[in-house]
Amino acid sequence: MDLITIDTPDGTAQAHLATPPTGTGPGVLLFMDAIGLRPQIFSMAERIASWGYVVLSPNIFYRDGDVETLMPAVDLREPGAREEFFAGVGPRMAALTTDRAVRDIAAYHSALLGLDAVTGDRVGTVGYCMGARLVTRYAGQFPDNVAAAAGFHGGGLVTDDADSPHLAVASARAEFVYGHADNDQSMDVDAVAALGSALEAAGITASNEIYPDAPHGYSMADTSMYQEAGAERSFDELRALLSRTLD
């Protein structure tokens, strides 16, 4: 594992770093799904890096353990394995409060811009599952820097809370691409519509689509939820987004 460390106000976070063949390029901050940093995320980051970007993927659960400790020890493609693994993930997700997320995002952003390989201060970001919430907050937190923001099979982007992630788009200036899972209880059609309304009210260029028949987690080839059509569409749309905004 090619890991570096990031100092945050609450401790040290490991992060995977992927660099393009040229060695330098615009920065992209990748927010993992709730399963965590693992070979699947590394592979996805390397694929994005091959397009010409420097991709930093932090362990957002660093408070709960290092990458090796938190990595799944079972094959999540096996029947019931993914569901069994997720039974223990809930407390980690709940512990990443908005206040903690905001502090962490600032540290990750500083680390990304501080990388020698990163050119310029316009960056992109992509997140999966709960990572899509962090993408949305990141774009609102650093509007002068985040030019591209993508979230795929995100959950909980719209809540009734005063700090609901979707409200962050009001201060963002990035172009957004959201690819939602189909029939997703964590992001139903009403929530997708509410997110779309927030994007429209902010005057932001955005795509906010539900991928037909794509289950929650469709991009993760190491789990039983993988759907090739949805995964490849997400990569195609992400690559086009980054090309439009960062190249």
Protein backbone atom coordinates (compact mmCIF):
# COMPACT_ATOMS: atom_id res chain seq x y z
CA MET A 1 0.00 0.00 0.00
CA ASP A 2 1.35 3.39 -1.05
CA LEU A 3 0.16 5.39 1.97
CA ILE A 4 1.08 8.79 3.33
CA THR A 5 -0.05 10.47 6.54
CA ILE A 6 -2.09 13.63 7.07
CA ASP A 7 -2.08 15.58 10.32
CA THR A 8 -5.56 16.60 11.44
CA PRO A 9 -6.73 18.46 14.56
CA ASP A 10 -7.89 15.10 15.95
CA GLY A 11 -4.98 12.86 15.03
CA THR A 12 -3.13 11.37 12.09
CA ALA A 13 -4.96 9.99 9.06
CA GLN A 14 -3.45 7.65 6.55
CA ALA A 15 -4.18 8.32 2.89
CA HIS A 16 -3.56 6.59 -0.41
CA LEU A 17 -1.77 8.67 -3.03
CA ALA A 18 -2.03 7.94 -6.74
CA THR A 19 -0.07 9.97 -9.28
CA PRO A 20 -0.46 10.21 -13.07
CA PRO A 21 2.08 8.87 -15.58
CA THR A 22 3.41 12.41 -16.04
CA GLY A 23 4.09 12.69 -12.31
CA THR A 24 2.10 15.89 -11.86
CA GLY A 25 -1.42 17.16 -12.47
CA PRO A 26 -4.47 18.79 -10.91
CA GLY A 27 -5.49 17.44 -7.53
CA VAL A 28 -8.51 15.26 -6.83
CA LEU A 29 -9.70 14.38 -3.34
CA LEU A 30 -11.42 10.99 -3.25
CA PHE A 31 -13.74 10.20 -0.35
CA MET A 32 -14.12 6.46 0.21
CA ASP A 33 -17.32 4.57 0.89
CA ALA A 34 -18.25 3.27 4.34
CA ILE A 35 -16.37 0.02 3.76
CA GLY A 36 -13.10 1.89 3.93
CA LEU A 37 -9.72 2.20 2.25
CA ARG A 38 -8.82 -1.08 0.58
CA PRO A 39 -7.53 -2.44 -2.75
CA GLN A 40 -10.80 -1.56 -4.52
CA ILE A 41 -10.46 2.12 -3.60
CA PHE A 42 -6.78 2.05 -4.49
CA SER A 43 -7.64 0.64 -7.92
CA MET A 44 -10.30 3.27 -8.53
CA ALA A 45 -7.91 6.04 -7.50
CA GLU A 46 -5.22 4.70 -9.82
CA ARG A 47 -7.69 4.62 -12.69
CA ILE A 48 -8.57 8.28 -12.12
CA ALA A 49 -4.88 9.14 -11.79
CA SER A 50 -4.21 7.52 -15.17
CA TRP A 51 -6.31 10.29 -16.73
CA GLY A 52 -3.77 12.88 -15.57
CA TYR A 53 -4.73 13.70 -11.97
CA VAL A 54 -3.13 13.41 -8.54
CA VAL A 55 -5.63 11.51 -6.39
CA LEU A 56 -5.56 11.61 -2.59
CA SER A 57 -7.85 9.18 -0.74
CA PRO A 58 -7.87 9.65 3.06
CA ASN A 59 -8.95 7.10 5.64
CA ILE A 60 -11.93 9.06 6.93
CA PHE A 61 -12.33 6.57 9.79
CA TYR A 62 -8.84 7.20 11.16
CA ARG A 63 -10.25 7.76 14.65
CA ASP A 64 -11.37 4.13 14.67
CA GLY A 65 -8.13 2.54 13.49
CA ASP A 66 -5.54 2.39 10.75
CA VAL A 67 -6.21 1.18 7.22
CA GLU A 68 -4.99 -2.36 7.77
CA THR A 69 -7.03 -2.80 10.96
CA LEU A 70 -10.28 -1.57 9.41
CA MET A 71 -9.92 -3.35 6.08
CA PRO A 72 -12.49 -6.12 5.47
CA ALA A 73 -11.11 -9.56 6.20
CA VAL A 74 -13.75 -11.40 4.16
CA ASP A 75 -14.82 -11.51 0.53
CA LEU A 76 -17.71 -9.05 0.34
CA ARG A 77 -18.91 -10.67 -2.88
CA GLU A 78 -20.00 -13.76 -0.97
CA PRO A 79 -23.70 -14.02 -0.04
CA GLY A 80 -24.42 -12.11 3.17
CA ALA A 81 -20.80 -11.02 3.72
CA ARG A 82 -21.37 -7.38 2.84
CA GLU A 83 -24.42 -7.14 5.05
CA GLU A 84 -22.58 -8.77 7.96
CA PHE A 85 -19.67 -6.36 7.57
CA PHE A 86 -21.97 -3.35 7.54
CA ALA A 87 -23.49 -4.39 10.85
CA GLY A 88 -20.33 -3.09 12.51
CA VAL A 89 -19.89 0.04 10.39
CA GLY A 90 -22.82 2.05 11.77
CA PRO A 91 -21.00 3.40 14.84
CA ARG A 92 -18.10 4.63 12.70
CA MET A 93 -20.46 6.48 10.40
CA ALA A 94 -22.39 8.01 13.29
CA ALA A 95 -19.18 9.15 14.98
CA LEU A 96 -18.17 11.22 11.95
CA THR A 97 -20.26 14.22 12.93
CA THR A 98 -20.55 17.35 10.83
CA ASP A 99 -18.13 19.21 13.11
CA ARG A 100 -15.55 16.45 12.77
CA ALA A 101 -16.08 16.22 9.03
CA VAL A 102 -15.54 19.94 8.57
CA ARG A 103 -12.27 19.82 10.53
CA ASP A 104 -11.09 16.78 8.62
CA ILE A 105 -11.98 18.21 5.22
CA ALA A 106 -9.87 21.29 5.92
CA ALA A 107 -6.90 19.07 6.77
CA TYR A 108 -7.36 16.90 3.69
CA HIS A 109 -7.69 19.98 1.48
CA SER A 110 -4.49 21.47 2.86
CA ALA A 111 -2.67 18.17 2.37
CA LEU A 112 -3.86 17.89 -1.23
CA LEU A 113 -2.76 21.40 -2.16
CA GLY A 114 0.53 20.83 -0.35
CA LEU A 115 1.53 17.87 -2.50
CA ASP A 116 4.48 18.62 -4.78
CA ALA A 117 2.79 16.70 -7.59
CA VAL A 118 -0.36 18.87 -7.56
CA THR A 119 -0.43 21.70 -10.09
CA GLY A 120 -2.59 24.75 -9.48
CA ASP A 121 -5.18 25.34 -6.78
CA ARG A 122 -8.30 24.29 -8.69
CA VAL A 123 -9.20 20.79 -7.59
CA GLY A 124 -11.81 18.12 -8.08
CA THR A 125 -13.44 15.71 -5.69
CA VAL A 126 -15.34 12.45 -5.93
CA GLY A 127 -17.04 10.39 -3.27
CA TYR A 128 -18.90 7.13 -2.95
CA CYS A 129 -21.68 6.14 -0.57
CA MET A 130 -21.18 8.30 2.54
CA GLY A 131 -18.26 9.91 0.72
CA ALA A 132 -20.75 11.74 -1.49
CA ARG A 133 -21.86 13.69 1.58
CA LEU A 134 -18.27 14.77 2.21
CA VAL A 135 -17.87 15.79 -1.43
CA THR A 136 -20.89 18.06 -1.09
CA ARG A 137 -19.60 19.65 2.11
CA TYR A 138 -16.11 20.05 0.62
CA ALA A 139 -17.42 21.96 -2.40
CA GLY A 140 -19.33 24.33 -0.14
CA GLN A 141 -16.47 24.70 2.31
CA PHE A 142 -13.84 25.62 -0.29
CA PRO A 143 -15.73 27.20 -3.20
CA ASP A 144 -12.68 29.10 -4.46
CA ASN A 145 -10.82 25.85 -5.05
CA VAL A 146 -13.26 23.02 -5.75
CA ALA A 147 -14.20 23.21 -9.43
CA ALA A 148 -15.59 19.69 -9.88
CA ALA A 149 -17.63 17.60 -7.44
CA ALA A 150 -19.03 14.13 -8.09
CA GLY A 151 -20.97 11.80 -5.84
CA PHE A 152 -22.01 8.25 -6.72
CA HIS A 153 -24.57 6.07 -4.93
CA GLY A 154 -24.55 8.58 -2.10
CA GLY A 155 -26.79 8.13 0.93
CA GLY A 156 -28.16 10.67 3.36
CA LEU A 157 -27.42 13.67 1.19
CA VAL A 158 -30.74 15.20 2.16
CA THR A 159 -31.98 15.19 5.75
CA ASP A 160 -34.26 17.31 7.92
CA ASP A 161 -31.30 18.52 9.97
CA ALA A 162 -30.12 22.12 9.92
CA ASP A 163 -26.73 20.90 8.73
CA SER A 164 -28.01 18.58 5.99
CA PRO A 165 -25.22 17.99 3.45
CA HIS A 166 -27.27 19.22 0.49
CA LEU A 167 -27.51 22.69 1.98
CA ALA A 168 -23.76 23.14 1.40
CA VAL A 169 -24.33 23.58 -2.33
CA ALA A 170 -25.64 27.09 -1.62
CA SER A 171 -22.06 28.31 -1.16
CA ALA A 172 -20.42 26.08 -3.78
CA ARG A 173 -19.27 27.10 -7.24
CA ALA A 174 -18.23 23.71 -8.56
CA GLU A 175 -19.91 21.81 -11.35
CA PHE A 176 -21.64 18.78 -9.81
CA VAL A 177 -22.35 15.29 -11.08
CA TYR A 178 -24.49 12.97 -8.96
CA GLY A 179 -25.21 9.39 -10.00
CA HIS A 180 -27.77 7.95 -7.61
CA ALA A 181 -28.59 4.32 -7.05
CA ASP A 182 -32.03 3.14 -8.15
CA ASN A 183 -34.67 2.47 -5.46
CA ASP A 184 -32.20 3.54 -2.77
CA GLN A 185 -33.83 3.88 0.65
CA SER A 186 -30.97 6.12 1.78
CA MET A 187 -31.56 8.51 -1.14
CA ASP A 188 -35.10 8.15 -2.44
CA VAL A 189 -36.71 10.02 -5.33
CA ASP A 190 -37.94 12.80 -3.06
CA ALA A 191 -34.44 13.32 -1.69
CA VAL A 192 -33.01 13.37 -5.23
CA ALA A 193 -35.58 16.01 -6.16
CA ALA A 194 -34.75 18.09 -3.09
CA LEU A 195 -31.05 17.95 -3.97
CA GLY A 196 -31.90 19.01 -7.51
CA SER A 197 -33.91 21.96 -6.22
CA ALA A 198 -31.00 23.06 -4.03
CA LEU A 199 -28.59 22.87 -6.97
CA GLU A 200 -30.98 24.85 -9.16
CA ALA A 201 -31.52 27.48 -6.48
CA ALA A 202 -27.75 27.91 -6.18
CA GLY A 203 -27.46 28.45 -9.93
CA ILE A 204 -25.03 25.58 -10.26
CA THR A 205 -24.34 23.54 -13.38
CA ALA A 206 -25.19 20.00 -12.35
CA SER A 207 -26.28 16.53 -13.40
CA ASN A 208 -28.47 14.82 -10.79
CA GLU A 209 -29.49 11.45 -12.22
CA ILE A 210 -30.73 8.09 -10.99
CA TYR A 211 -28.90 5.23 -12.72
CA PRO A 212 -31.51 2.67 -13.85
CA ASP A 213 -31.40 -0.66 -11.99
CA ALA A 214 -28.13 0.31 -10.28
CA PRO A 215 -28.07 -0.81 -6.62
CA HIS A 216 -26.52 1.12 -3.77
CA GLY A 217 -22.79 0.42 -3.99
CA TYR A 218 -22.88 -0.27 -7.73
CA SER A 219 -19.34 1.02 -8.33
CA MET A 220 -17.63 -1.34 -5.88
CA ALA A 221 -16.38 -4.39 -7.79
CA ASP A 222 -15.30 -6.11 -4.58
CA THR A 223 -18.86 -6.40 -3.24
CA SER A 224 -22.07 -8.19 -4.14
CA MET A 225 -23.66 -4.85 -5.12
CA TYR A 226 -21.41 -4.23 -8.12
CA GLN A 227 -23.11 -3.35 -11.39
CA GLU A 228 -20.79 -2.89 -14.34
CA ALA A 229 -23.14 -0.59 -16.28
CA GLY A 230 -23.50 1.83 -13.40
CA ALA A 231 -19.82 1.68 -12.49
CA GLU A 232 -18.63 2.39 -16.01
CA ARG A 233 -21.15 5.19 -16.44
CA SER A 234 -19.85 6.79 -13.25
CA PHE A 235 -16.27 6.65 -14.51
CA ASP A 236 -17.26 8.08 -17.89
CA GLU A 237 -19.19 10.96 -16.32
CA LEU A 238 -16.43 11.66 -13.80
CA ARG A 239 -13.74 11.75 -16.47
CA ALA A 240 -15.79 14.15 -18.59
CA LEU A 241 -16.45 16.36 -15.57
CA LEU A 242 -12.78 16.57 -14.61
CA SER A 243 -11.78 17.26 -18.20
CA ARG A 244 -14.29 20.11 -18.50
CA THR A 245 -13.31 21.79 -15.27
CA LEU A 246 -9.65 21.06 -14.56
CA ASP A 247 -7.86 20.51 -17.88
